[in-house]
C-alpha cells in the first residue's frame, strides 16, 4: 500500500493466467484499500487464459516479456 501511495500507479506482473489468478485478487485489494491514491488503472501483465504451450516459440509468446511490460508502462504513464 505504501508503494501505491508513493507512485500512484500499479503494474502487476506474473506468469500465471489472467482469470482466477493472484493478480486479480491483488488488484481487488488495491482497488478497495488504495483507490483514492491511484492515478490510473491497475495494469495486469499475465499469461493468456489458455494452456501452456509445449513449443518453445509459442511458450515465449505465451509468457509475459519485456515488450509487454514496456507497453503497459507507457500506457499507464499516459494517465
C-alpha atoms as a PDB file:
ATOM      1  CA  UNK A   1       0.000   0.000   0.000  1.00  0.00           C
ATOM      2  CA  UNK A   2       2.871   2.362   0.753  1.00  0.00           C
ATOM      3  CA  UNK A   3       4.216   1.869  -2.768  1.00  0.00           C
ATOM      4  CA  UNK A   4       0.807   2.665  -4.290  1.00  0.00           C
ATOM      5  CA  UNK A   5       0.560   5.800  -2.184  1.00  0.00           C
ATOM      6  CA  UNK A   6       4.079   6.824  -3.258  1.00  0.00           C
ATOM      7  CA  UNK A   7       3.860   6.032  -7.001  1.00  0.00           C
ATOM      8  CA  UNK A   8       0.094   6.337  -7.548  1.00  0.00           C
ATOM      9  CA  UNK A   9       0.246   3.633 -10.239  1.00  0.00           C
ATOM     10  CA  UNK A  10       0.328  -0.173 -10.222  1.00  0.00           C
ATOM     11  CA  UNK A  11       1.526  -2.845 -12.632  1.00  0.00           C
ATOM     12  CA  UNK A  12       1.033  -6.442 -11.528  1.00  0.00           C
ATOM     13  CA  UNK A  13       3.200  -8.949 -13.400  1.00  0.00           C
ATOM     14  CA  UNK A  14       3.233 -12.742 -13.161  1.00  0.00           C
ATOM     15  CA  UNK A  15       3.370 -15.830 -15.372  1.00  0.00           C
ATOM     16  CA  UNK A  16       0.050 -17.336 -14.277  1.00  0.00           C
ATOM     17  CA  UNK A  17      -3.079 -16.978 -16.399  1.00  0.00           C
ATOM     18  CA  UNK A  18      -5.193 -13.850 -16.010  1.00  0.00           C
ATOM     19  CA  UNK A  19      -8.507 -15.295 -14.800  1.00  0.00           C
ATOM     20  CA  UNK A  20      -8.591 -16.541 -11.227  1.00  0.00           C
ATOM     21  CA  UNK A  21      -5.020 -15.512 -10.570  1.00  0.00           C
ATOM     22  CA  UNK A  22      -3.311 -13.835  -7.663  1.00  0.00           C
ATOM     23  CA  UNK A  23      -3.012 -10.620  -9.704  1.00  0.00           C
ATOM     24  CA  UNK A  24      -6.787 -10.325  -9.815  1.00  0.00           C
ATOM     25  CA  UNK A  25      -7.004 -10.671  -6.051  1.00  0.00           C
ATOM     26  CA  UNK A  26      -4.219  -8.146  -5.500  1.00  0.00           C
ATOM     27  CA  UNK A  27      -5.909  -5.729  -7.915  1.00  0.00           C
ATOM     28  CA  UNK A  28      -9.177  -6.059  -5.990  1.00  0.00           C
ATOM     29  CA  UNK A  29      -7.427  -5.465  -2.677  1.00  0.00           C
ATOM     30  CA  UNK A  30      -5.590  -2.415  -4.006  1.00  0.00           C
ATOM     31  CA  UNK A  31      -8.794  -1.032  -5.503  1.00  0.00           C
ATOM     32  CA  UNK A  32     -10.542  -1.424  -2.141  1.00  0.00           C
ATOM     33  CA  UNK A  33      -7.781  -0.064   0.075  1.00  0.00           C
ATOM     34  CA  UNK A  34      -5.929   2.455  -2.112  1.00  0.00           C
ATOM     35  CA  UNK A  35      -8.413   3.600  -4.753  1.00  0.00           C
ATOM     36  CA  UNK A  36      -8.088   7.271  -3.837  1.00  0.00           C
ATOM     37  CA  UNK A  37      -4.309   7.064  -4.313  1.00  0.00           C
ATOM     38  CA  UNK A  38      -4.448   5.618  -7.854  1.00  0.00           C
ATOM     39  CA  UNK A  39      -3.864   7.946 -10.815  1.00  0.00           C
ATOM     40  CA  UNK A  40      -4.690   5.313 -13.436  1.00  0.00           C
ATOM     41  CA  UNK A  41      -5.996   1.784 -13.866  1.00  0.00           C
ATOM     42  CA  UNK A  42      -4.295  -1.184 -12.269  1.00  0.00           C
ATOM     43  CA  UNK A  43      -2.458  -2.897 -15.122  1.00  0.00           C
ATOM     44  CA  UNK A  44      -2.105  -6.702 -15.114  1.00  0.00           C
ATOM     45  CA  UNK A  45       0.509  -8.374 -17.291  1.00  0.00           C
ATOM     46  CA  UNK A  46      -0.189 -12.101 -17.289  1.00  0.00           C
ATOM     47  CA  UNK A  47      -0.224 -15.141 -19.487  1.00  0.00           C
ATOM     48  CA  UNK A  48      -3.390 -15.596 -21.578  1.00  0.00           C
ATOM     49  CA  UNK A  49      -6.203 -17.853 -20.377  1.00  0.00           C
ATOM     50  CA  UNK A  50      -5.012 -20.877 -22.341  1.00  0.00           C
ATOM     51  CA  UNK A  51      -2.989 -23.999 -21.545  1.00  0.00           C
ATOM     52  CA  UNK A  52       0.787 -23.519 -21.534  1.00  0.00           C
ATOM     53  CA  UNK A  53       2.090 -24.463 -24.993  1.00  0.00           C
ATOM     54  CA  UNK A  54       4.838 -27.065 -25.352  1.00  0.00           C
ATOM     55  CA  UNK A  55       6.522 -25.426 -28.341  1.00  0.00           C
ATOM     56  CA  UNK A  56       9.364 -23.063 -27.287  1.00  0.00           C
ATOM     57  CA  UNK A  57       8.346 -20.262 -29.715  1.00  0.00           C
ATOM     58  CA  UNK A  58       4.722 -20.457 -28.564  1.00  0.00           C
ATOM     59  CA  UNK A  59       5.771 -20.552 -24.927  1.00  0.00           C
ATOM     60  CA  UNK A  60       7.874 -17.430 -25.479  1.00  0.00           C
ATOM     61  CA  UNK A  61       4.801 -15.662 -26.922  1.00  0.00           C
ATOM     62  CA  UNK A  62       2.613 -17.021 -24.098  1.00  0.00           C
ATOM     63  CA  UNK A  63       4.701 -15.719 -21.187  1.00  0.00           C
ATOM     64  CA  UNK A  64       4.950 -12.071 -20.156  1.00  0.00           C
ATOM     65  CA  UNK A  65       8.075 -10.412 -21.523  1.00  0.00           C
ATOM     66  CA  UNK A  66       9.894  -7.077 -21.546  1.00  0.00           C
ATOM     67  CA  UNK A  67       7.945  -5.800 -24.557  1.00  0.00           C
ATOM     68  CA  UNK A  68       4.618  -6.366 -22.783  1.00  0.00           C
ATOM     69  CA  UNK A  69       5.898  -4.647 -19.641  1.00  0.00           C
ATOM     70  CA  UNK A  70       7.124  -1.609 -21.589  1.00  0.00           C
ATOM     71  CA  UNK A  71       3.802  -1.342 -23.464  1.00  0.00           C
ATOM     72  CA  UNK A  72       1.838  -1.439 -20.197  1.00  0.00           C
ATOM     73  CA  UNK A  73       4.164   1.078 -18.535  1.00  0.00           C
ATOM     74  CA  UNK A  74       3.841   3.505 -21.437  1.00  0.00           C
ATOM     75  CA  UNK A  75       0.066   3.159 -21.473  1.00  0.00           C
ATOM     76  CA  UNK A  76      -0.073   3.724 -17.727  1.00  0.00           C
ATOM     77  CA  UNK A  77       2.248   6.743 -17.969  1.00  0.00           C
ATOM     78  CA  UNK A  78      -0.339   8.479 -20.187  1.00  0.00           C
ATOM     79  CA  UNK A  79      -2.652   8.871 -17.173  1.00  0.00           C
END
